[in-house]
Protein backbone atom coordinates (compact mmCIF):
# COMPACT_ATOMS: atom_id res chain seq x y z
CA UNK A 1 0.00 0.00 0.00
CA UNK A 2 1.27 3.50 -0.87
CA UNK A 3 1.84 6.09 1.84
CA UNK A 4 0.04 9.42 1.72
CA UNK A 5 2.76 11.41 -0.09
CA UNK A 6 3.13 8.72 -2.77
CA UNK A 7 -0.65 8.74 -3.27
CA UNK A 8 -0.59 12.52 -3.71
CA UNK A 9 2.23 12.31 -6.24
CA UNK A 10 0.44 9.58 -8.18
CA UNK A 11 -2.72 11.71 -8.23
CA UNK A 12 -0.75 14.52 -9.88
CA UNK A 13 0.30 12.23 -12.74
CA UNK A 14 -3.23 12.03 -14.10
CA UNK A 15 -3.63 13.87 -17.39
CA UNK A 16 -6.03 16.82 -17.39
CA UNK A 17 -6.42 17.28 -21.15
CA UNK A 18 -9.69 15.52 -22.04
CA UNK A 19 -9.57 16.79 -25.65
CA UNK A 20 -7.59 15.40 -28.55
CA UNK A 21 -5.45 18.58 -28.62
CA UNK A 22 -1.72 18.35 -28.02
CA UNK A 23 -0.46 19.03 -24.53
CA UNK A 24 1.90 21.95 -23.82
CA UNK A 25 4.76 19.47 -23.53
CA UNK A 26 3.97 18.06 -26.98
CA UNK A 27 3.89 21.55 -28.50
CA UNK A 28 7.23 22.49 -26.90
CA UNK A 29 8.84 19.21 -27.97
CA UNK A 30 7.65 19.69 -31.55
CA UNK A 31 8.86 23.30 -31.61
CA UNK A 32 12.32 22.61 -30.25
CA UNK A 33 13.68 19.98 -32.55
CA UNK A 34 17.36 19.04 -32.74
CA UNK A 35 17.88 21.41 -35.69
CA UNK A 36 16.43 24.35 -33.71
CA UNK A 37 18.69 23.51 -30.79
CA UNK A 38 21.76 23.57 -33.06
CA UNK A 39 20.65 26.87 -34.57
CA UNK A 40 20.27 28.33 -31.07
CA UNK A 41 23.70 27.07 -30.03
CA UNK A 42 25.23 28.70 -33.12
CA UNK A 43 23.51 32.00 -32.29
CA UNK A 44 24.77 31.88 -28.70
CA UNK A 45 28.33 31.30 -29.85
CA UNK A 46 28.09 34.20 -32.32
CA UNK A 47 26.73 36.51 -29.62
CA UNK A 48 29.37 35.44 -27.13
CA UNK A 49 32.08 36.24 -29.69
CA UNK A 50 30.79 39.78 -30.13
CA UNK A 51 30.33 40.31 -26.39
CA UNK A 52 33.67 38.88 -25.42
CA UNK A 53 35.72 40.47 -22.63
CA UNK A 54 38.00 42.06 -25.24
CA UNK A 55 35.04 43.65 -27.06
CA UNK A 56 33.65 44.93 -23.75
CA UNK A 57 37.04 46.34 -22.75
CA UNK A 58 37.37 48.16 -26.09
CA UNK A 59 33.89 49.63 -25.68
CA UNK A 60 34.69 50.75 -22.12
CA UNK A 61 37.88 52.51 -23.15
CA UNK A 62 36.09 54.24 -26.05
CA UNK A 63 33.33 55.35 -23.71
CA UNK A 64 35.87 56.66 -21.19
CA UNK A 65 37.52 58.80 -23.88
CA UNK A 66 34.21 60.38 -24.94
CA UNK A 67 32.74 60.90 -21.46
CA UNK A 68 31.74 64.46 -20.59
CA UNK A 69 34.05 66.04 -18.01
CA UNK A 70 31.20 68.10 -16.48
CA UNK A 71 27.61 67.22 -15.63
CA UNK A 72 24.97 67.82 -18.30
CA UNK A 73 22.79 69.88 -15.94
CA UNK A 74 24.18 73.14 -14.63
CA UNK A 75 22.14 74.24 -11.61
CA UNK A 76 22.58 74.22 -7.87
CA UNK A 77 20.87 71.43 -6.02
CA UNK A 78 17.87 72.38 -3.91
CA UNK A 79 17.32 71.11 -0.40
CA UNK A 80 14.85 68.27 -0.06
CA UNK A 81 12.09 68.43 2.51
CA UNK A 82 8.48 69.31 3.12
CA UNK A 83 7.13 72.72 2.27
CA UNK A 84 4.07 74.60 1.13
CA UNK A 85 5.63 75.92 -2.09
CA UNK A 86 7.09 74.13 -5.07
CA UNK A 87 10.86 73.84 -4.78
CA UNK A 88 12.52 74.98 -8.00
CA UNK A 89 16.20 75.34 -8.80
CA UNK A 90 17.56 78.89 -8.99
CA UNK A 91 17.01 80.42 -12.41
CA UNK A 92 14.03 78.17 -13.21
CA UNK A 93 10.30 78.68 -12.69
CA UNK A 94 7.27 76.46 -12.33
CA UNK A 95 3.68 76.79 -13.50
CA UNK A 96 0.89 74.58 -12.16
CA UNK A 97 -1.24 73.38 -15.05
CA UNK A 98 -3.83 71.41 -13.11
CA UNK A 99 -4.13 70.11 -9.56
CA UNK A 100 -5.96 67.15 -8.11
CA UNK A 101 -9.54 68.25 -7.46
CA UNK A 102 -9.62 71.12 -9.96
CA UNK A 103 -13.06 71.22 -11.61
CA UNK A 104 -13.15 69.85 -15.13
CA UNK A 105 -16.92 69.61 -15.66
CA UNK A 106 -19.72 72.05 -14.85
CA UNK A 107 -21.18 71.63 -11.36
CA UNK A 108 -18.00 70.25 -9.79
CA UNK A 109 -17.93 70.92 -6.05
CA UNK A 110 -14.99 72.56 -4.28
CA UNK A 111 -12.23 70.04 -3.61
CA UNK A 112 -12.14 68.68 -0.05
CA UNK A 113 -9.76 65.71 0.34
CA UNK A 114 -11.38 64.76 3.67
CA UNK A 115 -14.89 64.55 2.22
CA UNK A 116 -14.23 63.35 -1.31
CA UNK A 117 -16.93 61.22 -2.96
CA UNK A 118 -17.03 59.25 -6.18
CA UNK A 119 -19.66 61.62 -7.58
CA UNK A 120 -17.48 64.66 -6.85
CA UNK A 121 -14.36 62.95 -8.27
CA UNK A 122 -16.15 62.29 -11.59
CA UNK A 123 -16.40 66.07 -12.06
CA UNK A 124 -12.84 66.87 -10.91
CA UNK A 125 -9.33 66.25 -12.20
CA UNK A 126 -7.42 63.33 -10.75
């Protein structure tokens, strides 16, 4: 007599494809024939030749020669933290286009995040 774990494993070996269609295993086996495997191995060897350590080293040295000596952005960093205003780097400005709760349809109520309803949100942005 089989123990409980062997019974469970045997129960998993029952096929669940009642149709005459091929199983996923049959489809995969048909797709990956020996010829396809050889083609894939040839592609892997060709890729590994182009991405060899020597090719990567040559690309790294070329990249190091063309790297920019200074950062692409030229502005002073702003301090991070909470605030009531938008923090913008010196020399730049900001314009608010639309805020969460701004009315977008006629009859939209004033935005109140503590009393927001689905009906009000349908008439507001966000």
